[in-house]
Amino acid sequence: MKTDGLKEVVDAILDNCDISDLDMYNDLFENRTTIFEYILENYIHKKEGHCCCADKARYVARWVDKSLKDNKYYPLKETYRDYQNRGGNIGGITELDKVCYWCPESFDTTEQALQVIFEIMRGKKNE
């Protein structure tokens, strides 16, 4: 099966899609969190190393999913104090102003994460 034509059609469609149209992406990907986790884990592993890449990918994928549902972007950096104030359990952690270990270095916002996800899905970004 020749796929060159199909890739050109898909690229043409996606080139005309506005990344800020979060409603469209919300409807487009039913099992998106799993797909996003997979893409993000590989990307974060290559950019930041293996340490905690699964935790970081899961964290980002959940916030990206929330962005799509709420139709707005969110920051991806939070301190242990912020997490605790949202009701999270930090156990014995005493460095409350330190950024949580599950926050990635590669992205500051869900907008940046979405851009990378869609570039990878389109084959435009080398993971």
Protein backbone atom coordinates (compact mmCIF):
# COMPACT_ATOMS: atom_id res chain seq x y z
CA MET A 1 0.00 0.00 0.00
CA LYS A 2 1.36 3.37 -0.97
CA THR A 3 1.23 5.77 1.99
CA ASP A 4 2.89 8.89 0.54
CA GLY A 5 -0.44 10.32 -0.59
CA LEU A 6 -2.09 9.56 2.73
CA LYS A 7 0.68 11.30 4.67
CA GLU A 8 0.30 14.38 2.44
CA VAL A 9 -3.48 14.46 3.05
CA VAL A 10 -3.09 14.06 6.82
CA ASP A 11 -0.37 16.73 6.90
CA ALA A 12 -2.54 19.11 4.87
CA ILE A 13 -5.46 18.62 7.27
CA LEU A 14 -3.31 19.01 10.37
CA ASP A 15 -1.51 22.04 8.93
CA ASN A 16 -4.90 23.78 8.83
CA CYS A 17 -5.85 22.81 12.39
CA ASP A 18 -5.35 25.38 15.10
CA ILE A 19 -3.55 23.88 18.12
CA SER A 20 -5.53 26.28 20.29
CA ASP A 21 -8.80 24.57 19.28
CA LEU A 22 -8.75 22.35 22.36
CA ASP A 23 -12.40 21.31 21.90
CA MET A 24 -11.50 19.60 18.64
CA TYR A 25 -8.68 17.60 20.26
CA ASN A 26 -10.89 16.71 23.22
CA ASP A 27 -13.38 15.08 20.84
CA LEU A 28 -10.70 13.58 18.58
CA PHE A 29 -8.84 11.42 21.11
CA GLU A 30 -10.97 9.20 23.31
CA ASN A 31 -8.07 7.25 24.87
CA ARG A 32 -5.75 10.20 24.69
CA THR A 33 -4.28 9.99 28.18
CA THR A 34 -2.72 6.60 27.45
CA ILE A 35 -1.45 7.78 24.06
CA PHE A 36 -0.10 11.00 25.57
CA GLU A 37 1.65 9.12 28.41
CA TYR A 38 3.40 6.86 25.94
CA ILE A 39 4.57 9.75 23.75
CA LEU A 40 5.60 11.87 26.73
CA GLU A 41 7.46 9.09 28.53
CA ASN A 42 9.62 8.46 25.46
CA TYR A 43 10.18 12.17 24.91
CA ILE A 44 11.03 12.93 28.55
CA HIS A 45 13.30 9.87 28.75
CA LYS A 46 15.32 11.17 25.79
CA LYS A 47 15.38 14.80 26.99
CA GLU A 48 15.80 14.38 30.76
CA GLY A 49 16.95 10.81 31.29
CA HIS A 50 15.29 7.74 32.70
CA CYS A 51 14.85 8.94 36.30
CA CYS A 52 11.14 9.42 37.06
CA CYS A 53 10.20 9.78 33.37
CA ALA A 54 7.08 7.62 33.86
CA ASP A 55 5.92 9.76 36.81
CA LYS A 56 6.58 12.94 34.85
CA ALA A 57 4.76 11.61 31.77
CA ARG A 58 1.74 10.54 33.83
CA TYR A 59 1.62 13.96 35.54
CA VAL A 60 1.84 15.89 32.27
CA ALA A 61 -0.68 13.62 30.49
CA ARG A 62 -3.25 14.20 33.25
CA TRP A 63 -2.83 17.97 33.06
CA VAL A 64 -2.95 17.90 29.26
CA ASP A 65 -6.18 15.92 29.48
CA LYS A 66 -7.55 18.52 31.92
CA SER A 67 -6.53 21.27 29.49
CA LEU A 68 -8.51 19.59 26.74
CA LYS A 69 -11.56 19.10 28.95
CA ASP A 70 -11.48 22.64 30.39
CA ASN A 71 -10.39 24.32 27.14
CA LYS A 72 -7.52 26.21 28.79
CA TYR A 73 -3.82 25.78 29.49
CA TYR A 74 -2.20 25.04 32.87
CA PRO A 75 1.29 25.48 34.32
CA LEU A 76 3.24 22.26 34.85
CA LYS A 77 5.56 23.46 37.61
CA GLU A 78 4.40 23.23 41.20
CA THR A 79 6.15 23.18 44.53
CA TYR A 80 5.46 20.67 47.27
CA ARG A 81 3.69 23.51 49.11
CA ASP A 82 1.39 24.08 46.11
CA TYR A 83 0.69 20.35 45.90
CA GLN A 84 -0.03 20.17 49.63
CA ASN A 85 -2.36 23.20 49.38
CA ARG A 86 -4.31 21.36 46.65
CA GLY A 87 -4.84 18.52 49.14
CA GLY A 88 -1.90 16.32 48.14
CA ASN A 89 0.00 14.21 50.68
CA ILE A 90 3.71 15.05 50.71
CA GLY A 91 4.64 12.65 53.50
CA GLY A 92 7.82 13.69 55.29
CA ILE A 93 9.02 16.18 52.69
CA THR A 94 10.21 19.35 54.41
CA GLU A 95 11.51 21.35 51.43
CA LEU A 96 8.13 22.86 50.63
CA ASP A 97 9.40 25.45 48.13
CA LYS A 98 11.21 22.87 46.00
CA VAL A 99 9.60 21.92 42.64
CA CYS A 100 7.98 18.49 42.85
CA TYR A 101 10.09 15.67 41.40
CA TRP A 102 7.30 14.69 38.98
CA CYS A 103 7.31 18.09 37.27
CA PRO A 104 9.25 17.84 34.00
CA GLU A 105 12.06 20.15 33.01
CA SER A 106 11.03 19.92 29.34
CA PHE A 107 7.70 21.77 29.66
CA ASP A 108 6.48 24.74 31.67
CA THR A 109 2.86 24.61 30.48
CA THR A 110 0.35 22.21 28.99
CA GLU A 111 0.44 24.33 25.83
CA GLN A 112 4.11 23.45 25.31
CA ALA A 113 3.42 19.78 26.03
CA LEU A 114 0.54 19.71 23.52
CA GLN A 115 2.71 21.25 20.84
CA VAL A 116 5.35 18.55 21.32
CA ILE A 117 2.74 15.76 21.43
CA PHE A 118 1.16 16.83 18.16
CA GLU A 119 4.49 17.43 16.45
CA ILE A 120 5.55 13.90 17.37
CA MET A 121 2.21 12.44 16.27
CA ARG A 122 2.61 14.16 12.91
CA GLY A 123 6.19 12.95 12.55
CA LYS A 124 7.44 16.53 12.55
CA LYS A 125 9.56 16.29 15.69
CA ASN A 126 12.39 13.85 16.24
CA GLU A 127 11.76 12.40 19.67
